[in-house]
């Protein structure tokens, strides 16, 4: 693997050379941009300039080969979301939501074609999150809670790499707003260093304080809250066929399981009828257990952050310690399992879910754990 990574690193000389390996980058050609921020031309030209500026930064040589490899890949794909988000509004070219779209596009490509990208799940998510947050250093100060925005990003991505990506992003362009953007990026670096998160995520007093900080607007990160949680709830997350049922069979410890698939089968509800009735029934069953302060497992895909957060808030409201366990298996294995599954999932449906996938971030619950299928099924949840 190390030799393979070294060979890949040698290819990271220019965007053009990298695009030979990843022709998806060519989609950035001829995509227009707002000249106030991007007078240099289309998105591809901007990306080319960002890559050039990145390797010229003094800090670049101080990075490890691994950091350089991931950071250059993030720079090359940082605006890939503009390929689907760019449009004209009142005569101005805009790309709303391109960072979040880019994160999903890159994740989907790297997941489906893992051999070509040659990334571990951790490396893939580092690049994906660099893409997601690359605009944060420029605009963080406009957020309602600037420090919280920075601390949240630090949960998923190294701040020193995010700083360098954003710095190269502001330098690899021409426009009337260029100067202010560079100043904002330096301000971001100062903020991250003052918060003590330049080299690692913030060290909260405990998991309960951390959860409350990211879910309440008036809490100071240095607070130390009394943990009054009373019982555990495990919320499983992952694409269909990722091994959730297998994990329950080996590590469920006899806990009650609320399974959306089981309820659908029990009630005889066809897939085309949607999931509204199923979710309502599942929530009612959960409330019964929550009132009893009885631990249980919620078994569903839960691949969308908004969906997970609704459930986490519900469970936590009853005093539960919510543990999110995300399971993932390689794409080829996922497809192979689907071919032998009794309840076959149409390929178009499965691909749509992969495009929508949002793996849980560390701040989402009392505890968040990831379990890769390459590691085998093992118990990674820690409960009181």
Foldseek 3Di string as FASTA:
>chain_A
DVVVLVVLLVQLPFLVSVCVLVVLLVLQPPLAAFQQQFVVGTRSLLLRQLSVVLCVDPCLVVDDSLLNSLLSVLSSQLQSLSSPQWDDDPNHIDRPPSLVLSLLVQLLVCQQCVVSVVDDPLSSQQSSLLSNCLCCLQCLVVDPDSLLVLLQSLLRYQPVSSLSSNLSSLVSHDHNCSVSSNVSSVVSVVSCVVQVSNGHHHDALALVLLLVPNVDDPDDRNDDDDQQFDEAEEEEAAAPPLCPVVLCVVPVVPFAEQELVVQCVVVVPDVVVDRPVSVVVSVVVVVVCLQVRGYHYYDDHPQALVVLLVVQCVSVVSRYQYEYEYGGERPVVSVVVLVVDPPRDPPVVSSVCSSRGDQDGQNRGSGYYYDYVVVPRDDDDDDD
